[in-house]
N, C-alpha and C. Protein backbone atom coordinates (compact mmCIF):
# COMPACT_ATOMS: atom_id res chain seq x y z
N UNK A 1 50.27 -76.85 156.77
CA UNK A 1 48.72 -77.30 156.55
C UNK A 1 48.99 -76.84 155.42
N UNK A 2 49.30 -74.90 154.98
CA UNK A 2 48.94 -75.47 153.43
C UNK A 2 50.59 -74.02 153.10
N UNK A 3 51.10 -74.04 152.00
CA UNK A 3 52.02 -73.43 151.58
C UNK A 3 53.27 -73.80 151.11
N UNK A 4 53.85 -73.25 150.42
CA UNK A 4 55.05 -74.02 150.58
C UNK A 4 56.23 -72.67 150.77
N UNK A 5 56.14 -71.17 151.13
CA UNK A 5 57.00 -70.52 151.42
C UNK A 5 56.90 -69.39 149.59
N UNK A 6 56.50 -69.83 149.51
CA UNK A 6 56.63 -69.71 147.48
C UNK A 6 55.34 -67.98 147.53
N UNK A 7 56.10 -67.20 147.29
CA UNK A 7 54.77 -65.77 146.88
C UNK A 7 53.96 -66.62 145.64
N UNK A 8 52.75 -66.61 145.64
CA UNK A 8 52.16 -66.87 143.89
C UNK A 8 50.40 -67.47 144.09
N UNK A 9 50.29 -67.75 143.46
CA UNK A 9 49.20 -68.45 143.21
C UNK A 9 49.03 -69.78 142.59
N UNK A 10 49.92 -70.60 143.04
CA UNK A 10 50.17 -71.97 142.11
C UNK A 10 49.49 -72.84 142.96
N UNK A 11 49.02 -74.18 142.39
CA UNK A 11 49.25 -75.23 143.33
C UNK A 11 47.90 -76.44 143.12
N UNK A 12 46.74 -75.56 141.86
CA UNK A 12 45.23 -75.59 142.98
C UNK A 12 45.44 -77.19 141.72
N UNK A 13 44.53 -78.04 142.73
CA UNK A 13 44.14 -79.56 141.96
C UNK A 13 45.98 -80.27 142.41
N UNK A 14 46.55 -79.96 143.57
CA UNK A 14 47.41 -80.37 144.15
C UNK A 14 47.49 -80.01 145.54
N UNK A 15 48.51 -81.11 146.18
CA UNK A 15 48.49 -80.78 148.04
C UNK A 15 48.41 -79.64 148.20
N UNK A 16 48.15 -78.89 149.20
CA UNK A 16 47.81 -77.96 149.72
C UNK A 16 49.65 -77.47 150.41
N UNK A 17 50.57 -78.51 150.95
CA UNK A 17 51.32 -77.69 151.69
C UNK A 17 52.00 -78.02 150.11
N UNK A 18 52.11 -77.89 149.01
CA UNK A 18 52.98 -77.42 148.63
C UNK A 18 52.56 -76.25 147.30
N UNK A 19 51.30 -75.90 147.73
CA UNK A 19 50.59 -74.07 147.00
C UNK A 19 51.80 -73.91 147.27
N UNK A 20 51.75 -72.26 146.46
CA UNK A 20 51.85 -70.97 146.13
C UNK A 20 50.97 -70.11 147.07
N UNK A 21 50.85 -69.24 147.91
CA UNK A 21 50.23 -68.47 148.44
C UNK A 21 50.30 -67.06 148.55
N UNK A 22 49.10 -66.04 148.19
CA UNK A 22 50.01 -64.53 147.99
C UNK A 22 48.71 -63.59 149.38
N UNK A 23 49.19 -63.61 150.25
CA UNK A 23 48.76 -62.87 151.24
C UNK A 23 47.40 -62.86 151.88
N UNK A 24 47.21 -64.47 152.29
CA UNK A 24 46.22 -64.83 152.52
C UNK A 24 45.22 -63.69 153.92
N UNK A 25 43.95 -63.76 153.75
CA UNK A 25 44.01 -62.34 154.57
C UNK A 25 42.21 -62.32 155.05
N UNK A 26 41.79 -63.58 155.32
CA UNK A 26 40.44 -64.19 155.71
C UNK A 26 40.73 -65.80 155.73
N UNK A 27 40.25 -66.40 156.67
CA UNK A 27 39.86 -68.03 156.56
C UNK A 27 38.25 -67.66 157.66
N UNK A 28 37.76 -68.99 156.61
CA UNK A 28 36.75 -69.55 157.37
C UNK A 28 36.38 -71.03 157.17
N UNK A 29 36.11 -71.92 157.98
CA UNK A 29 34.66 -73.61 157.88
C UNK A 29 33.93 -73.59 157.25
N UNK A 30 34.12 -74.00 156.03
CA UNK A 30 32.36 -74.53 155.28
C UNK A 30 31.89 -75.45 156.68
N UNK A 31 30.38 -75.63 156.36
CA UNK A 31 29.83 -76.36 157.34
C UNK A 31 29.86 -78.06 157.12
N UNK A 32 30.44 -78.29 156.18
CA UNK A 32 31.44 -79.57 155.98
C UNK A 32 32.75 -79.68 156.53
N UNK A 33 33.12 -78.82 157.21
CA UNK A 33 34.88 -78.71 157.74
C UNK A 33 35.74 -78.67 156.98
N UNK A 34 35.71 -77.80 155.58
CA UNK A 34 36.49 -77.59 154.27
C UNK A 34 37.32 -76.45 155.52
N UNK A 35 38.04 -75.85 154.62
CA UNK A 35 38.99 -74.19 155.20
C UNK A 35 39.00 -73.83 154.08
N UNK A 36 38.61 -72.09 153.50
CA UNK A 36 38.25 -71.11 153.05
C UNK A 36 38.81 -70.20 153.25
N UNK A 37 39.88 -69.65 152.66
CA UNK A 37 40.55 -68.82 152.82
C UNK A 37 41.14 -67.53 151.20
N UNK A 38 40.92 -66.70 151.65
CA UNK A 38 40.70 -65.35 150.80
C UNK A 38 41.91 -64.99 150.28
N UNK A 39 42.77 -64.89 149.63
CA UNK A 39 44.53 -64.29 148.89
C UNK A 39 44.36 -63.68 147.87
N UNK A 40 45.21 -62.41 147.24
CA UNK A 40 44.67 -61.53 145.94
C UNK A 40 44.95 -62.79 144.73
N UNK A 41 44.54 -63.68 144.99
CA UNK A 41 44.53 -64.71 143.69
C UNK A 41 42.98 -64.61 143.93
N UNK A 42 42.07 -64.58 144.60
CA UNK A 42 40.33 -64.94 144.95
C UNK A 42 40.16 -66.09 146.87
N UNK A 43 39.31 -67.23 146.75
CA UNK A 43 39.27 -66.92 147.44
C UNK A 43 39.93 -68.80 146.89
N UNK A 44 40.49 -69.66 148.04
CA UNK A 44 40.87 -70.44 147.89
C UNK A 44 40.13 -72.10 148.97
N UNK A 45 40.10 -72.95 148.38
CA UNK A 45 39.48 -74.16 149.17
C UNK A 45 40.97 -75.28 149.71
N UNK A 46 40.25 -75.81 150.84
CA UNK A 46 41.68 -76.59 151.09
C UNK A 46 40.64 -78.02 151.08
N UNK A 47 40.21 -78.96 151.13
CA UNK A 47 39.74 -80.44 150.99
C UNK A 47 40.51 -80.56 152.34
N UNK A 48 39.61 -80.85 153.77
CA UNK A 48 40.25 -81.46 154.44
C UNK A 48 40.47 -82.55 154.49
N UNK A 49 39.93 -83.72 154.22
CA UNK A 49 39.53 -84.92 153.75
C UNK A 49 41.48 -85.41 152.54
N UNK A 50 41.29 -84.79 151.42
CA UNK A 50 41.90 -85.19 150.88
C UNK A 50 43.14 -84.26 150.47
N UNK A 51 43.08 -82.94 151.76
CA UNK A 51 44.39 -81.55 151.16
C UNK A 51 44.51 -81.31 150.19
N UNK A 52 43.71 -81.54 149.07
CA UNK A 52 44.72 -80.93 147.70
C UNK A 52 42.95 -79.11 148.52
N UNK A 53 43.97 -78.20 147.55
CA UNK A 53 43.61 -76.57 147.21
C UNK A 53 43.36 -76.44 146.39
N UNK A 54 42.19 -75.85 145.61
CA UNK A 54 41.34 -75.29 144.65
C UNK A 54 41.08 -74.08 144.66
N UNK A 55 41.36 -72.56 143.35
CA UNK A 55 39.88 -71.74 143.36
C UNK A 55 39.42 -71.65 143.03
N UNK A 56 37.75 -71.36 144.31
CA UNK A 56 37.16 -71.75 144.17
C UNK A 56 36.20 -70.15 143.16
N UNK A 57 37.04 -69.54 143.25
CA UNK A 57 36.31 -67.74 142.97
C UNK A 57 37.29 -66.24 142.70
N UNK A 58 37.59 -66.12 141.39
CA UNK A 58 38.92 -64.57 141.61
C UNK A 58 38.71 -63.33 141.97
N UNK A 59 37.24 -63.89 142.80
CA UNK A 59 36.36 -62.26 143.79
C UNK A 59 37.04 -62.58 145.29
N UNK A 60 38.36 -61.55 146.22
CA UNK A 60 38.41 -61.28 146.95
C UNK A 60 37.73 -61.15 148.32
N UNK A 61 37.56 -61.31 149.29
CA UNK A 61 37.35 -61.52 150.12
C UNK A 61 37.39 -60.72 151.23
N UNK A 62 37.70 -59.53 151.86
CA UNK A 62 38.94 -59.63 153.40
C UNK A 62 38.35 -59.69 154.51
N UNK A 63 36.75 -60.79 154.42
CA UNK A 63 35.65 -61.05 155.45
C UNK A 63 35.15 -62.42 154.54
N UNK A 64 34.86 -63.67 155.00
CA UNK A 64 34.54 -64.47 153.92
C UNK A 64 33.46 -65.24 155.74
N UNK A 65 32.28 -65.46 154.80
CA UNK A 65 31.56 -65.95 156.37
C UNK A 65 30.27 -67.74 154.71
N UNK A 66 29.90 -68.15 155.75
CA UNK A 66 29.01 -69.13 155.60
C UNK A 66 27.78 -69.05 156.49
N UNK A 67 26.38 -69.05 155.10
CA UNK A 67 25.18 -69.19 155.94
C UNK A 67 24.49 -70.48 156.59
N UNK A 68 23.29 -70.34 156.76
CA UNK A 68 23.00 -71.51 157.67
C UNK A 68 22.95 -72.68 156.29
N UNK A 69 23.06 -72.23 155.39
CA UNK A 69 22.43 -72.81 154.19
C UNK A 69 23.65 -73.20 153.12
N UNK A 70 25.05 -73.16 153.86
CA UNK A 70 26.39 -73.29 153.16
C UNK A 70 26.89 -72.53 152.45
N UNK A 71 25.97 -71.20 151.75
CA UNK A 71 26.31 -70.61 150.81
C UNK A 71 27.34 -69.36 151.64
N UNK A 72 28.62 -69.58 150.69
CA UNK A 72 29.71 -68.40 151.02
C UNK A 72 29.71 -67.21 150.77
N UNK A 73 29.29 -66.78 151.12
CA UNK A 73 29.66 -64.98 150.88
C UNK A 73 31.66 -64.26 151.46
N UNK A 74 31.66 -63.90 150.26
CA UNK A 74 33.10 -62.55 150.49
C UNK A 74 32.89 -61.14 150.88
N UNK A 75 32.85 -60.46 151.81
CA UNK A 75 32.48 -59.00 151.67
C UNK A 75 33.96 -58.01 151.18
N UNK A 76 34.12 -57.52 151.09
CA UNK A 76 35.08 -56.16 150.23
C UNK A 76 34.24 -55.11 150.10
N UNK A 77 35.36 -54.18 151.41
CA UNK A 77 34.89 -52.42 151.51
C UNK A 77 32.96 -52.55 151.05
N UNK A 78 32.58 -52.27 149.97
CA UNK A 78 31.52 -52.06 149.80
C UNK A 78 30.17 -53.64 148.72
N UNK A 79 31.29 -54.36 148.91
CA UNK A 79 30.49 -55.02 148.29
C UNK A 79 30.63 -56.57 148.16
N UNK A 80 29.57 -57.06 148.73
CA UNK A 80 29.53 -58.68 148.85
C UNK A 80 28.69 -59.68 147.52
N UNK A 81 29.64 -60.22 147.76
CA UNK A 81 29.83 -61.19 146.57
C UNK A 81 28.56 -62.83 147.87
N UNK A 82 27.91 -63.57 147.02
CA UNK A 82 27.86 -64.09 147.23
C UNK A 82 28.11 -65.63 145.94
N UNK A 83 29.03 -66.50 147.11
CA UNK A 83 29.26 -67.73 145.95
C UNK A 83 28.22 -69.38 146.48
N UNK A 84 27.81 -70.10 145.82
CA UNK A 84 26.82 -70.29 145.91
C UNK A 84 27.83 -72.13 145.62
N UNK A 85 27.21 -72.63 145.79
CA UNK A 85 27.20 -74.57 145.53
C UNK A 85 29.06 -75.26 145.98
N UNK A 86 29.55 -73.98 147.32
CA UNK A 86 30.83 -74.65 147.42
C UNK A 86 31.49 -75.35 148.25
N UNK A 87 30.44 -76.20 148.70
CA UNK A 87 30.70 -76.55 150.09
C UNK A 87 31.87 -77.33 150.28
């Protein structure tokens, strides 16, 4: 699905299968079905239609969740980050 086996945060704007991934630790799906995961570089998105990977935010979260309005929340120890408009 994603990652070329190289440790790193490379590949934004290209096919997810060619991207470098750094320690993924949380995964969730948006209401539109896109894949979101957190790694050491931040929260990354894979568009399920195009297969393109992008970094959504540099804020990492050990737990990612969407609410019913499509807002993404990243929970990291004592901080909850809200990211809007990322569906």
